[in-house]
């Protein structure tokens, strides 16, 4: 499109004057990883089917998992009045056997992407 862009600071200027306040930095959900792995990442109001296809959602979650410590947790939440208590949450934990869903609340629309059903014997 030829648009000129510039970075936008997401840090409230009043907070910038306080000690230990770190500004938000650009982060590409699909390609970036944290320099230091995190114990917990919360991704709120981003990973939903209004913005991304199911394949993109899975790719984004897979990439975020790479930024977690070996037992780290990814919290995917969505705030919306249509959910009970106004929020839906899926908690994924990284482990030695891969990623598992440890908690679901509010019937998050993408929860089914992360839950596998066990086959009957």
PDB file of N, CA and C in Angstrom:
ATOM      1  N   UNK A   1       0.811  -1.204   0.000  1.00  0.00           N
ATOM      2  CA  UNK A   1       0.000   0.000   0.000  1.00  0.00           C
ATOM      3  C   UNK A   1       0.847   1.258   0.000  1.00  0.00           C
ATOM      4  N   UNK A   2       2.113   1.128   0.381  1.00  0.00           N
ATOM      5  CA  UNK A   2       2.971   2.298   0.418  1.00  0.00           C
ATOM      6  C   UNK A   2       2.764   3.172   1.645  1.00  0.00           C
ATOM      7  N   UNK A   3       2.083   2.675   2.651  1.00  0.00           N
ATOM      8  CA  UNK A   3       1.858   3.463   3.854  1.00  0.00           C
ATOM      9  C   UNK A   3       3.151   3.613   4.628  1.00  0.00           C
ATOM     10  N   UNK A   4       3.316   4.752   5.245  1.00  0.00           N
ATOM     11  CA  UNK A   4       4.458   4.949   6.124  1.00  0.00           C
ATOM     12  C   UNK A   4       4.016   4.552   7.531  1.00  0.00           C
ATOM     13  N   UNK A   5       4.848   3.765   8.191  1.00  0.00           N
ATOM     14  CA  UNK A   5       4.515   3.326   9.542  1.00  0.00           C
ATOM     15  C   UNK A   5       5.601   3.742  10.512  1.00  0.00           C
ATOM     16  N   UNK A   6       5.244   3.760  11.765  1.00  0.00           N
ATOM     17  CA  UNK A   6       6.211   4.031  12.815  1.00  0.00           C
ATOM     18  C   UNK A   6       5.813   3.247  14.056  1.00  0.00           C
ATOM     19  N   UNK A   7       6.772   2.934  14.902  1.00  0.00           N
ATOM     20  CA  UNK A   7       6.438   2.184  16.118  1.00  0.00           C
ATOM     21  C   UNK A   7       5.486   2.977  17.006  1.00  0.00           C
ATOM     22  N   UNK A   8       4.606   2.264  17.691  1.00  0.00           N
ATOM     23  CA  UNK A   8       3.687   2.878  18.638  1.00  0.00           C
ATOM     24  C   UNK A   8       4.054   2.363  20.020  1.00  0.00           C
ATOM     25  N   UNK A   9       4.265   3.264  20.952  1.00  0.00           N
ATOM     26  CA  UNK A   9       4.573   2.855  22.311  1.00  0.00           C
ATOM     27  C   UNK A   9       3.290   2.420  22.993  1.00  0.00           C
ATOM     28  N   UNK A  10       3.332   1.254  23.630  1.00  0.00           N
ATOM     29  CA  UNK A  10       2.152   0.775  24.339  1.00  0.00           C
ATOM     30  C   UNK A  10       2.292   0.987  25.843  1.00  0.00           C
ATOM     31  N   UNK A  11       3.285   1.729  26.245  1.00  0.00           N
ATOM     32  CA  UNK A  11       3.505   2.005  27.654  1.00  0.00           C
ATOM     33  C   UNK A  11       2.893   3.345  28.015  1.00  0.00           C
ATOM     34  N   UNK A  12       2.052   3.357  29.018  1.00  0.00           N
ATOM     35  CA  UNK A  12       1.457   4.583  29.518  1.00  0.00           C
ATOM     36  C   UNK A  12       2.581   5.498  29.983  1.00  0.00           C
ATOM     37  N   UNK A  13       2.641   6.755  29.490  1.00  0.00           N
ATOM     38  CA  UNK A  13       3.737   7.656  29.881  1.00  0.00           C
ATOM     39  C   UNK A  13       3.847   7.842  31.396  1.00  0.00           C
ATOM     40  N   UNK A  14       2.722   7.799  32.113  1.00  0.00           N
ATOM     41  CA  UNK A  14       2.770   7.936  33.566  1.00  0.00           C
ATOM     42  C   UNK A  14       3.490   6.752  34.203  1.00  0.00           C
ATOM     43  N   UNK A  15       3.356   5.571  33.614  1.00  0.00           N
ATOM     44  CA  UNK A  15       4.043   4.391  34.143  1.00  0.00           C
ATOM     45  C   UNK A  15       5.531   4.408  33.818  1.00  0.00           C
ATOM     46  N   UNK A  16       5.896   5.066  32.733  1.00  0.00           N
ATOM     47  CA  UNK A  16       7.298   5.102  32.320  1.00  0.00           C
ATOM     48  C   UNK A  16       8.177   5.745  33.387  1.00  0.00           C
ATOM     49  N   UNK A  17       7.588   6.599  34.218  1.00  0.00           N
ATOM     50  CA  UNK A  17       8.353   7.275  35.256  1.00  0.00           C
ATOM     51  C   UNK A  17       8.590   6.387  36.469  1.00  0.00           C
ATOM     52  N   UNK A  18       7.854   5.289  36.592  1.00  0.00           N
ATOM     53  CA  UNK A  18       8.006   4.398  37.738  1.00  0.00           C
ATOM     54  C   UNK A  18       9.157   3.419  37.501  1.00  0.00           C
ATOM     55  N   UNK A  19       9.739   2.958  38.596  1.00  0.00           N
ATOM     56  CA  UNK A  19      10.826   1.979  38.509  1.00  0.00           C
ATOM     57  C   UNK A  19      10.278   0.621  38.094  1.00  0.00           C
ATOM     58  N   UNK A  20      11.097  -0.148  37.416  1.00  0.00           N
ATOM     59  CA  UNK A  20      10.800  -1.534  37.048  1.00  0.00           C
ATOM     60  C   UNK A  20       9.623  -1.691  36.095  1.00  0.00           C
ATOM     61  N   UNK A  21       9.268  -0.673  35.350  1.00  0.00           N
ATOM     62  CA  UNK A  21       8.206  -0.790  34.359  1.00  0.00           C
ATOM     63  C   UNK A  21       8.870  -0.939  32.996  1.00  0.00           C
ATOM     64  N   UNK A  22       8.538  -2.030  32.314  1.00  0.00           N
ATOM     65  CA  UNK A  22       9.160  -2.336  31.031  1.00  0.00           C
ATOM     66  C   UNK A  22       8.115  -2.139  29.933  1.00  0.00           C
ATOM     67  N   UNK A  23       8.449  -1.407  28.876  1.00  0.00           N
ATOM     68  CA  UNK A  23       7.472  -1.211  27.801  1.00  0.00           C
ATOM     69  C   UNK A  23       7.223  -2.501  27.022  1.00  0.00           C
ATOM     70  N   UNK A  24       6.056  -2.580  26.423  1.00  0.00           N
ATOM     71  CA  UNK A  24       5.749  -3.712  25.542  1.00  0.00           C
ATOM     72  C   UNK A  24       6.552  -3.552  24.262  1.00  0.00           C
ATOM     73  N   UNK A  25       7.037  -4.655  23.758  1.00  0.00           N
ATOM     74  CA  UNK A  25       7.815  -4.636  22.524  1.00  0.00           C
ATOM     75  C   UNK A  25       7.066  -5.400  21.450  1.00  0.00           C
ATOM     76  N   UNK A  26       7.299  -5.062  20.186  1.00  0.00           N
ATOM     77  CA  UNK A  26       6.647  -5.823  19.105  1.00  0.00           C
ATOM     78  C   UNK A  26       7.024  -7.299  19.185  1.00  0.00           C
ATOM     79  N   UNK A  27       6.056  -8.173  18.897  1.00  0.00           N
ATOM     80  CA  UNK A  27       6.275  -9.609  18.962  1.00  0.00           C
ATOM     81  C   UNK A  27       5.379 -10.262  17.926  1.00  0.00           C
ATOM     82  N   UNK A  28       5.981 -10.996  16.991  1.00  0.00           N
ATOM     83  CA  UNK A  28       5.215 -11.691  15.964  1.00  0.00           C
ATOM     84  C   UNK A  28       4.855 -13.074  16.483  1.00  0.00           C
ATOM     85  N   UNK A  29       3.588 -13.307  16.647  1.00  0.00           N
ATOM     86  CA  UNK A  29       3.055 -14.545  17.191  1.00  0.00           C
ATOM     87  C   UNK A  29       3.541 -15.781  16.450  1.00  0.00           C
ATOM     88  N   UNK A  30       3.803 -15.648  15.170  1.00  0.00           N
ATOM     89  CA  UNK A  30       4.139 -16.797  14.333  1.00  0.00           C
ATOM     90  C   UNK A  30       5.636 -17.038  14.157  1.00  0.00           C
ATOM     91  N   UNK A  31       6.462 -16.037  14.402  1.00  0.00           N
ATOM     92  CA  UNK A  31       7.890 -16.198  14.125  1.00  0.00           C
ATOM     93  C   UNK A  31       8.805 -15.861  15.290  1.00  0.00           C
ATOM     94  N   UNK A  32       8.392 -14.986  16.187  1.00  0.00           N
ATOM     95  CA  UNK A  32       9.273 -14.548  17.263  1.00  0.00           C
ATOM     96  C   UNK A  32       9.229 -15.506  18.447  1.00  0.00           C
ATOM     97  N   UNK A  33      10.332 -15.580  19.158  1.00  0.00           N
ATOM     98  CA  UNK A  33      10.396 -16.292  20.429  1.00  0.00           C
ATOM     99  C   UNK A  33      11.102 -15.379  21.427  1.00  0.00           C
ATOM    100  N   UNK A  34      10.837 -15.615  22.698  1.00  0.00           N
ATOM    101  CA  UNK A  34      11.462 -14.802  23.735  1.00  0.00           C
ATOM    102  C   UNK A  34      12.938 -15.150  23.857  1.00  0.00           C
ATOM    103  N   UNK A  35      13.760 -14.159  24.154  1.00  0.00           N
ATOM    104  CA  UNK A  35      15.186 -14.417  24.354  1.00  0.00           C
ATOM    105  C   UNK A  35      15.414 -15.294  25.577  1.00  0.00           C
ATOM    106  N   UNK A  36      14.626 -15.072  26.627  1.00  0.00           N
ATOM    107  CA  UNK A  36      14.692 -15.878  27.852  1.00  0.00           C
ATOM    108  C   UNK A  36      13.352 -16.593  27.974  1.00  0.00           C
ATOM    109  N   UNK A  37      13.325 -17.923  28.077  1.00  0.00           N
ATOM    110  CA  UNK A  37      12.051 -18.637  28.204  1.00  0.00           C
ATOM    111  C   UNK A  37      11.271 -18.162  29.432  1.00  0.00           C
ATOM    112  N   UNK A  38       9.951 -18.152  29.301  1.00  0.00           N
ATOM    113  CA  UNK A  38       9.062 -17.694  30.370  1.00  0.00           C
ATOM    114  C   UNK A  38       8.378 -18.877  31.045  1.00  0.00           C
ATOM    115  N   UNK A  39       8.068 -18.720  32.319  1.00  0.00           N
ATOM    116  CA  UNK A  39       7.309 -19.734  33.040  1.00  0.00           C
ATOM    117  C   UNK A  39       5.832 -19.683  32.654  1.00  0.00           C
ATOM    118  N   UNK A  40       5.347 -18.489  32.313  1.00  0.00           N
ATOM    119  CA  UNK A  40       3.953 -18.326  31.938  1.00  0.00           C
ATOM    120  C   UNK A  40       3.828 -17.229  30.888  1.00  0.00           C
ATOM    121  N   UNK A  41       2.990 -17.481  29.907  1.00  0.00           N
ATOM    122  CA  UNK A  41       2.638 -16.485  28.895  1.00  0.00           C
ATOM    123  C   UNK A  41       1.114 -16.419  28.876  1.00  0.00           C
ATOM    124  N   UNK A  42       0.566 -15.217  28.926  1.00  0.00           N
ATOM    125  CA  UNK A  42      -0.875 -15.051  28.785  1.00  0.00           C
ATOM    126  C   UNK A  42      -1.115 -14.325  27.468  1.00  0.00           C
ATOM    127  N   UNK A  43      -1.922 -14.937  26.642  1.00  0.00           N
ATOM    128  CA  UNK A  43      -2.273 -14.362  25.347  1.00  0.00           C
ATOM    129  C   UNK A  43      -3.770 -14.079  25.402  1.00  0.00           C
ATOM    130  N   UNK A  44      -4.127 -12.826  25.585  1.00  0.00           N
ATOM    131  CA  UNK A  44      -5.526 -12.449  25.779  1.00  0.00           C
ATOM    132  C   UNK A  44      -6.092 -11.746  24.550  1.00  0.00           C
ATOM    133  N   UNK A  45      -7.276 -12.177  24.146  1.00  0.00           N
ATOM    134  CA  UNK A  45      -8.049 -11.525  23.096  1.00  0.00           C
ATOM    135  C   UNK A  45      -7.333 -11.453  21.750  1.00  0.00           C
ATOM    136  N   UNK A  46      -6.512 -12.428  21.479  1.00  0.00           N
ATOM    137  CA  UNK A  46      -5.803 -12.468  20.204  1.00  0.00           C
ATOM    138  C   UNK A  46      -6.029 -13.783  19.477  1.00  0.00           C
ATOM    139  N   UNK A  47      -5.858 -14.890  20.160  1.00  0.00           N
ATOM    140  CA  UNK A  47      -5.977 -16.203  19.526  1.00  0.00           C
ATOM    141  C   UNK A  47      -7.445 -16.601  19.438  1.00  0.00           C
ATOM    142  N   UNK A  48      -8.105 -16.112  18.401  1.00  0.00           N
ATOM    143  CA  UNK A  48      -9.499 -16.493  18.201  1.00  0.00           C
ATOM    144  C   UNK A  48      -9.801 -16.631  16.726  1.00  0.00           C
ATOM    145  N   UNK A  49     -10.896 -17.301  16.439  1.00  0.00           N
ATOM    146  CA  UNK A  49     -11.254 -17.651  15.062  1.00  0.00           C
ATOM    147  C   UNK A  49     -11.793 -16.477  14.256  1.00  0.00           C
ATOM    148  N   UNK A  50     -11.963 -15.339  14.885  1.00  0.00           N
ATOM    149  CA  UNK A  50     -12.340 -14.145  14.129  1.00  0.00           C
ATOM    150  C   UNK A  50     -11.135 -13.550  13.425  1.00  0.00           C
ATOM    151  N   UNK A  51      -9.947 -13.802  13.956  1.00  0.00           N
ATOM    152  CA  UNK A  51      -8.719 -13.257  13.388  1.00  0.00           C
ATOM    153  C   UNK A  51      -7.935 -14.265  12.561  1.00  0.00           C
ATOM    154  N   UNK A  52      -7.969 -15.546  12.978  1.00  0.00           N
ATOM    155  CA  UNK A  52      -7.091 -16.540  12.374  1.00  0.00           C
ATOM    156  C   UNK A  52      -7.836 -17.819  12.023  1.00  0.00           C
ATOM    157  N   UNK A  53      -7.310 -18.517  11.035  1.00  0.00           N
ATOM    158  CA  UNK A  53      -7.840 -19.850  10.706  1.00  0.00           C
ATOM    159  C   UNK A  53      -7.388 -20.826  11.787  1.00  0.00           C
ATOM    160  N   UNK A  54      -7.994 -22.008  11.816  1.00  0.00           N
ATOM    161  CA  UNK A  54      -7.598 -23.027  12.784  1.00  0.00           C
ATOM    162  C   UNK A  54      -6.124 -23.399  12.629  1.00  0.00           C
ATOM    163  N   UNK A  55      -5.655 -23.488  11.399  1.00  0.00           N
ATOM    164  CA  UNK A  55      -4.241 -23.813  11.145  1.00  0.00           C
ATOM    165  C   UNK A  55      -3.340 -22.719  11.700  1.00  0.00           C
ATOM    166  N   UNK A  56      -3.705 -21.468  11.477  1.00  0.00           N
ATOM    167  CA  UNK A  56      -2.910 -20.359  12.001  1.00  0.00           C
ATOM    168  C   UNK A  56      -2.917 -20.351  13.527  1.00  0.00           C
ATOM    169  N   UNK A  57      -4.078 -20.638  14.127  1.00  0.00           N
ATOM    170  CA  UNK A  57      -4.158 -20.692  15.588  1.00  0.00           C
ATOM    171  C   UNK A  57      -3.217 -21.753  16.146  1.00  0.00           C
ATOM    172  N   UNK A  58      -3.221 -22.919  15.544  1.00  0.00           N
ATOM    173  CA  UNK A  58      -2.328 -24.002  15.984  1.00  0.00           C
ATOM    174  C   UNK A  58      -0.867 -23.609  15.793  1.00  0.00           C
ATOM    175  N   UNK A  59      -0.552 -22.985  14.668  1.00  0.00           N
ATOM    176  CA  UNK A  59       0.825 -22.539  14.412  1.00  0.00           C
ATOM    177  C   UNK A  59       1.261 -21.497  15.439  1.00  0.00           C
ATOM    178  N   UNK A  60       0.374 -20.548  15.755  1.00  0.00           N
ATOM    179  CA  UNK A  60       0.694 -19.517  16.734  1.00  0.00           C
ATOM    180  C   UNK A  60       0.933 -20.096  18.113  1.00  0.00           C
ATOM    181  N   UNK A  61       0.078 -21.020  18.529  1.00  0.00           N
ATOM    182  CA  UNK A  61       0.247 -21.664  19.834  1.00  0.00           C
ATOM    183  C   UNK A  61       1.543 -22.467  19.855  1.00  0.00           C
ATOM    184  N   UNK A  62       1.808 -23.209  18.810  1.00  0.00           N
ATOM    185  CA  UNK A  62       3.040 -23.997  18.730  1.00  0.00           C
ATOM    186  C   UNK A  62       4.264 -23.102  18.863  1.00  0.00           C
ATOM    187  N   UNK A  63       4.219 -21.949  18.225  1.00  0.00           N
ATOM    188  CA  UNK A  63       5.356 -21.040  18.309  1.00  0.00           C
ATOM    189  C   UNK A  63       5.486 -20.439  19.715  1.00  0.00           C
ATOM    190  N   UNK A  64       4.364 -20.064  20.343  1.00  0.00           N
ATOM    191  CA  UNK A  64       4.423 -19.527  21.700  1.00  0.00           C
ATOM    192  C   UNK A  64       4.981 -20.549  22.682  1.00  0.00           C
ATOM    193  N   UNK A  65       4.642 -21.812  22.479  1.00  0.00           N
ATOM    194  CA  UNK A  65       5.134 -22.882  23.348  1.00  0.00           C
ATOM    195  C   UNK A  65       6.662 -22.914  23.334  1.00  0.00           C
ATOM    196  N   UNK A  66       7.265 -22.569  22.213  1.00  0.00           N
ATOM    197  CA  UNK A  66       8.738 -22.553  22.112  1.00  0.00           C
ATOM    198  C   UNK A  66       9.370 -21.533  23.059  1.00  0.00           C
ATOM    199  N   UNK A  67       8.589 -20.524  23.471  1.00  0.00           N
ATOM    200  CA  UNK A  67       9.105 -19.493  24.367  1.00  0.00           C
ATOM    201  C   UNK A  67       8.919 -19.829  25.842  1.00  0.00           C
ATOM    202  N   UNK A  68       8.394 -21.018  26.138  1.00  0.00           N
ATOM    203  CA  UNK A  68       8.162 -21.425  27.521  1.00  0.00           C
ATOM    204  C   UNK A  68       9.321 -22.254  28.066  1.00  0.00           C
ATOM    205  N   UNK A  69       9.468 -22.215  29.377  1.00  0.00           N
ATOM    206  CA  UNK A  69      10.396 -23.113  30.062  1.00  0.00           C
ATOM    207  C   UNK A  69       9.851 -24.532  29.923  1.00  0.00           C
ATOM    208  N   UNK A  70      10.646 -25.564  30.256  1.00  0.00           N
ATOM    209  CA  UNK A  70      10.187 -26.948  30.059  1.00  0.00           C
ATOM    210  C   UNK A  70       8.845 -27.298  30.698  1.00  0.00           C
ATOM    211  N   UNK A  71       8.477 -26.692  31.810  1.00  0.00           N
ATOM    212  CA  UNK A  71       7.172 -26.951  32.437  1.00  0.00           C
ATOM    213  C   UNK A  71       6.283 -25.713  32.372  1.00  0.00           C
ATOM    214  N   UNK A  72       6.575 -24.805  31.437  1.00  0.00           N
ATOM    215  CA  UNK A  72       5.866 -23.539  31.335  1.00  0.00           C
ATOM    216  C   UNK A  72       4.404 -23.682  30.939  1.00  0.00           C
ATOM    217  N   UNK A  73       3.657 -22.600  31.160  1.00  0.00           N
ATOM    218  CA  UNK A  73       2.215 -22.583  30.938  1.00  0.00           C
ATOM    219  C   UNK A  73       1.840 -21.456  29.976  1.00  0.00           C
ATOM    220  N   UNK A  74       0.973 -21.781  29.038  1.00  0.00           N
ATOM    221  CA  UNK A  74       0.403 -20.796  28.118  1.00  0.00           C
ATOM    222  C   UNK A  74      -1.072 -20.655  28.448  1.00  0.00           C
ATOM    223  N   UNK A  75      -1.487 -19.443  28.797  1.00  0.00           N
ATOM    224  CA  UNK A  75      -2.883 -19.143  29.101  1.00  0.00           C
ATOM    225  C   UNK A  75      -3.468 -18.393  27.904  1.00  0.00           C
ATOM    226  N   UNK A  76      -4.469 -18.986  27.277  1.00  0.00           N
ATOM    227  CA  UNK A  76      -5.153 -18.363  26.139  1.00  0.00           C
ATOM    228  C   UNK A  76      -6.518 -17.933  26.651  1.00  0.00           C
ATOM    229  N   UNK A  77      -6.780 -16.637  26.633  1.00  0.00           N
ATOM    230  CA  UNK A  77      -8.056 -16.156  27.157  1.00  0.00           C
ATOM    231  C   UNK A  77      -8.730 -15.220  26.168  1.00  0.00           C
ATOM    232  N   UNK A  78     -10.016 -15.099  26.344  1.00  0.00           N
ATOM    233  CA  UNK A  78     -10.816 -14.202  25.513  1.00  0.00           C
ATOM    234  C   UNK A  78     -11.903 -13.604  26.394  1.00  0.00           C
ATOM    235  N   UNK A  79     -11.953 -12.279  26.428  1.00  0.00           N
ATOM    236  CA  UNK A  79     -12.969 -11.570  27.193  1.00  0.00           C
ATOM    237  C   UNK A  79     -14.127 -11.205  26.281  1.00  0.00           C
ATOM    238  N   UNK A  80     -15.330 -11.586  26.698  1.00  0.00           N
ATOM    239  CA  UNK A  80     -16.512 -11.294  25.891  1.00  0.00           C
ATOM    240  C   UNK A  80     -17.727 -11.552  26.772  1.00  0.00           C
ATOM    241  N   UNK A  81     -18.717 -10.698  26.675  1.00  0.00           N
ATOM    242  CA  UNK A  81     -19.917 -10.832  27.497  1.00  0.00           C
ATOM    243  C   UNK A  81     -20.668 -12.136  27.228  1.00  0.00           C
ATOM    244  N   UNK A  82     -20.449 -12.752  26.070  1.00  0.00           N
ATOM    245  CA  UNK A  82     -21.172 -13.992  25.762  1.00  0.00           C
ATOM    246  C   UNK A  82     -20.671 -15.182  26.579  1.00  0.00           C
ATOM    247  N   UNK A  83     -19.489 -15.057  27.193  1.00  0.00           N
ATOM    248  CA  UNK A  83     -18.948 -16.131  28.017  1.00  0.00           C
ATOM    249  C   UNK A  83     -19.422 -15.972  29.452  1.00  0.00           C
ATOM    250  N   UNK A  84     -19.613 -17.111  30.112  1.00  0.00           N
ATOM    251  CA  UNK A  84     -19.965 -17.080  31.525  1.00  0.00           C
ATOM    252  C   UNK A  84     -18.857 -16.345  32.278  1.00  0.00           C
ATOM    253  N   UNK A  85     -19.221 -15.459  33.136  1.00  0.00           N
ATOM    254  CA  UNK A  85     -18.285 -14.620  33.897  1.00  0.00           C
ATOM    255  C   UNK A  85     -17.451 -13.707  32.998  1.00  0.00           C
ATOM    256  N   UNK A  86     -17.820 -13.585  31.718  1.00  0.00           N
ATOM    257  CA  UNK A  86     -17.167 -12.638  30.826  1.00  0.00           C
ATOM    258  C   UNK A  86     -15.824 -13.042  30.259  1.00  0.00           C
ATOM    259  N   UNK A  87     -15.369 -14.275  30.547  1.00  0.00           N
ATOM    260  CA  UNK A  87     -14.068 -14.700  30.044  1.00  0.00           C
ATOM    261  C   UNK A  87     -14.057 -16.199  29.796  1.00  0.00           C
ATOM    262  N   UNK A  88     -13.365 -16.591  28.744  1.00  0.00           N
ATOM    263  CA  UNK A  88     -13.121 -18.008  28.448  1.00  0.00           C
ATOM    264  C   UNK A  88     -11.611 -18.217  28.442  1.00  0.00           C
ATOM    265  N   UNK A  89     -11.177 -19.354  29.013  1.00  0.00           N
ATOM    266  CA  UNK A  89      -9.744 -19.599  29.193  1.00  0.00           C
ATOM    267  C   UNK A  89      -9.404 -21.042  28.855  1.00  0.00           C
ATOM    268  N   UNK A  90      -8.265 -21.230  28.201  1.00  0.00           N
ATOM    269  CA  UNK A  90      -7.667 -22.546  27.999  1.00  0.00           C
ATOM    270  C   UNK A  90      -6.232 -22.435  28.503  1.00  0.00           C
ATOM    271  N   UNK A  91      -5.829 -23.358  29.371  1.00  0.00           N
ATOM    272  CA  UNK A  91      -4.470 -23.357  29.911  1.00  0.00           C
ATOM    273  C   UNK A  91      -3.742 -24.578  29.359  1.00  0.00           C
ATOM    274  N   UNK A  92      -2.630 -24.315  28.689  1.00  0.00           N
ATOM    275  CA  UNK A  92      -1.806 -25.370  28.102  1.00  0.00           C
ATOM    276  C   UNK A  92      -0.481 -25.416  28.841  1.00  0.00           C
ATOM    277  N   UNK A  93      -0.019 -26.630  29.158  1.00  0.00           N
ATOM    278  CA  UNK A  93       1.260 -26.768  29.845  1.00  0.00           C
ATOM    279  C   UNK A  93       2.223 -27.580  29.007  1.00  0.00           C
ATOM    280  N   UNK A  94       3.414 -27.056  28.908  1.00  0.00           N
ATOM    281  CA  UNK A  94       4.486 -27.753  28.204  1.00  0.00           C
ATOM    282  C   UNK A  94       5.057 -28.816  29.134  1.00  0.00           C
ATOM    283  N   UNK A  95       5.307 -29.987  28.607  1.00  0.00           N
ATOM    284  CA  UNK A  95       5.877 -31.059  29.415  1.00  0.00           C
ATOM    285  C   UNK A  95       6.806 -31.918  28.586  1.00  0.00           C
ATOM    286  N   UNK A  96       7.334 -32.955  29.189  1.00  0.00           N
ATOM    287  CA  UNK A  96       8.278 -33.825  28.487  1.00  0.00           C
ATOM    288  C   UNK A  96       7.603 -34.617  27.370  1.00  0.00           C
ATOM    289  N   UNK A  97       6.307 -34.860  27.486  1.00  0.00           N
ATOM    290  CA  UNK A  97       5.562 -35.617  26.475  1.00  0.00           C
ATOM    291  C   UNK A  97       4.829 -34.709  25.494  1.00  0.00           C
ATOM    292  N   UNK A  98       5.110 -33.410  25.507  1.00  0.00           N
ATOM    293  CA  UNK A  98       4.442 -32.475  24.616  1.00  0.00           C
ATOM    294  C   UNK A  98       3.631 -31.470  25.408  1.00  0.00           C
ATOM    295  N   UNK A  99       2.520 -31.055  24.843  1.00  0.00           N
ATOM    296  CA  UNK A  99       1.679 -30.030  25.450  1.00  0.00           C
ATOM    297  C   UNK A  99       0.355 -30.653  25.852  1.00  0.00           C
ATOM    298  N   UNK A 100      -0.114 -30.291  27.048  1.00  0.00           N
ATOM    299  CA  UNK A 100      -1.403 -30.813  27.497  1.00  0.00           C
ATOM    300  C   UNK A 100      -2.289 -29.677  27.988  1.00  0.00           C
ATOM    301  N   UNK A 101      -3.595 -29.875  27.869  1.00  0.00           N
ATOM    302  CA  UNK A 101      -4.569 -28.925  28.388  1.00  0.00           C
ATOM    303  C   UNK A 101      -4.740 -29.239  29.867  1.00  0.00           C
ATOM    304  N   UNK A 102      -4.469 -28.254  30.716  1.00  0.00           N
ATOM    305  CA  UNK A 102      -4.599 -28.478  32.153  1.00  0.00           C
ATOM    306  C   UNK A 102      -5.854 -27.849  32.729  1.00  0.00           C
ATOM    307  N   UNK A 103      -6.458 -26.917  31.972  1.00  0.00           N
ATOM    308  CA  UNK A 103      -7.676 -26.282  32.469  1.00  0.00           C
ATOM    309  C   UNK A 103      -8.439 -25.651  31.309  1.00  0.00           C
ATOM    310  N   UNK A 104      -9.760 -25.707  31.407  1.00  0.00           N
ATOM    311  CA  UNK A 104     -10.644 -25.032  30.453  1.00  0.00           C
ATOM    312  C   UNK A 104     -11.763 -24.373  31.258  1.00  0.00           C
ATOM    313  N   UNK A 105     -12.064 -23.128  30.938  1.00  0.00           N
ATOM    314  CA  UNK A 105     -13.173 -22.432  31.580  1.00  0.00           C
ATOM    315  C   UNK A 105     -13.912 -21.613  30.540  1.00  0.00           C
ATOM    316  N   UNK A 106     -15.222 -21.589  30.628  1.00  0.00           N
ATOM    317  CA  UNK A 106     -16.016 -20.699  29.788  1.00  0.00           C
ATOM    318  C   UNK A 106     -16.184 -21.122  28.353  1.00  0.00           C
ATOM    319  N   UNK A 107     -15.788 -22.342  28.008  1.00  0.00           N
ATOM    320  CA  UNK A 107     -15.974 -22.851  26.647  1.00  0.00           C
ATOM    321  C   UNK A 107     -15.317 -21.964  25.588  1.00  0.00           C
ATOM    322  N   UNK A 108     -14.033 -21.747  25.736  1.00  0.00           N
ATOM    323  CA  UNK A 108     -13.280 -20.962  24.744  1.00  0.00           C
ATOM    324  C   UNK A 108     -13.469 -21.606  23.373  1.00  0.00           C
ATOM    325  N   UNK A 109     -13.789 -20.834  22.356  1.00  0.00           N
ATOM    326  CA  UNK A 109     -14.076 -21.411  21.030  1.00  0.00           C
ATOM    327  C   UNK A 109     -12.947 -22.234  20.420  1.00  0.00           C
ATOM    328  N   UNK A 110     -11.710 -21.962  20.765  1.00  0.00           N
ATOM    329  CA  UNK A 110     -10.600 -22.711  20.172  1.00  0.00           C
ATOM    330  C   UNK A 110     -10.133 -23.877  21.040  1.00  0.00           C
ATOM    331  N   UNK A 111     -10.806 -24.122  22.157  1.00  0.00           N
ATOM    332  CA  UNK A 111     -10.395 -25.211  23.054  1.00  0.00           C
ATOM    333  C   UNK A 111     -10.359 -26.547  22.328  1.00  0.00           C
ATOM    334  N   UNK A 112     -11.294 -26.770  21.429  1.00  0.00           N
ATOM    335  CA  UNK A 112     -11.353 -28.049  20.708  1.00  0.00           C
ATOM    336  C   UNK A 112     -10.095 -28.302  19.875  1.00  0.00           C
ATOM    337  N   UNK A 113      -9.392 -27.266  19.489  1.00  0.00           N
ATOM    338  CA  UNK A 113      -8.161 -27.434  18.702  1.00  0.00           C
ATOM    339  C   UNK A 113      -7.042 -28.051  19.531  1.00  0.00           C
ATOM    340  N   UNK A 114      -7.118 -27.886  20.838  1.00  0.00           N
ATOM    341  CA  UNK A 114      -6.035 -28.311  21.709  1.00  0.00           C
ATOM    342  C   UNK A 114      -6.373 -29.559  22.506  1.00  0.00           C
ATOM    343  N   UNK A 115      -7.574 -30.079  22.366  1.00  0.00           N
ATOM    344  CA  UNK A 115      -7.999 -31.247  23.125  1.00  0.00           C
ATOM    345  C   UNK A 115      -8.128 -32.423  22.168  1.00  0.00           C
ATOM    346  N   UNK A 116      -7.485 -33.518  22.516  1.00  0.00           N
ATOM    347  CA  UNK A 116      -7.607 -34.723  21.698  1.00  0.00           C
ATOM    348  C   UNK A 116      -8.439 -35.731  22.468  1.00  0.00           C
ATOM    349  N   UNK A 117      -9.279 -36.424  21.770  1.00  0.00           N
ATOM    350  CA  UNK A 117     -10.075 -37.462  22.425  1.00  0.00           C
ATOM    351  C   UNK A 117      -9.341 -38.774  22.323  1.00  0.00           C
ATOM    352  N   UNK A 118      -9.412 -39.566  23.350  1.00  0.00           N
ATOM    353  CA  UNK A 118      -8.757 -40.860  23.332  1.00  0.00           C
ATOM    354  C   UNK A 118      -9.615 -41.860  22.548  1.00  0.00           C
ATOM    355  N   UNK A 119      -8.949 -42.615  21.745  1.00  0.00           N
ATOM    356  CA  UNK A 119      -9.665 -43.603  20.929  1.00  0.00           C
ATOM    357  C   UNK A 119     -10.167 -44.752  21.805  1.00  0.00           C
ATOM    358  N   UNK A 120     -11.315 -45.262  21.480  1.00  0.00           N
ATOM    359  CA  UNK A 120     -11.853 -46.394  22.232  1.00  0.00           C
ATOM    360  C   UNK A 120     -11.083 -47.654  21.860  1.00  0.00           C
ATOM    361  N   UNK A 121     -10.882 -48.562  22.840  1.00  0.00           N
ATOM    362  CA  UNK A 121     -10.105 -49.787  22.546  1.00  0.00           C
ATOM    363  C   UNK A 121     -10.835 -50.695  21.569  1.00  0.00           C
TER     364      UNK A 121
END
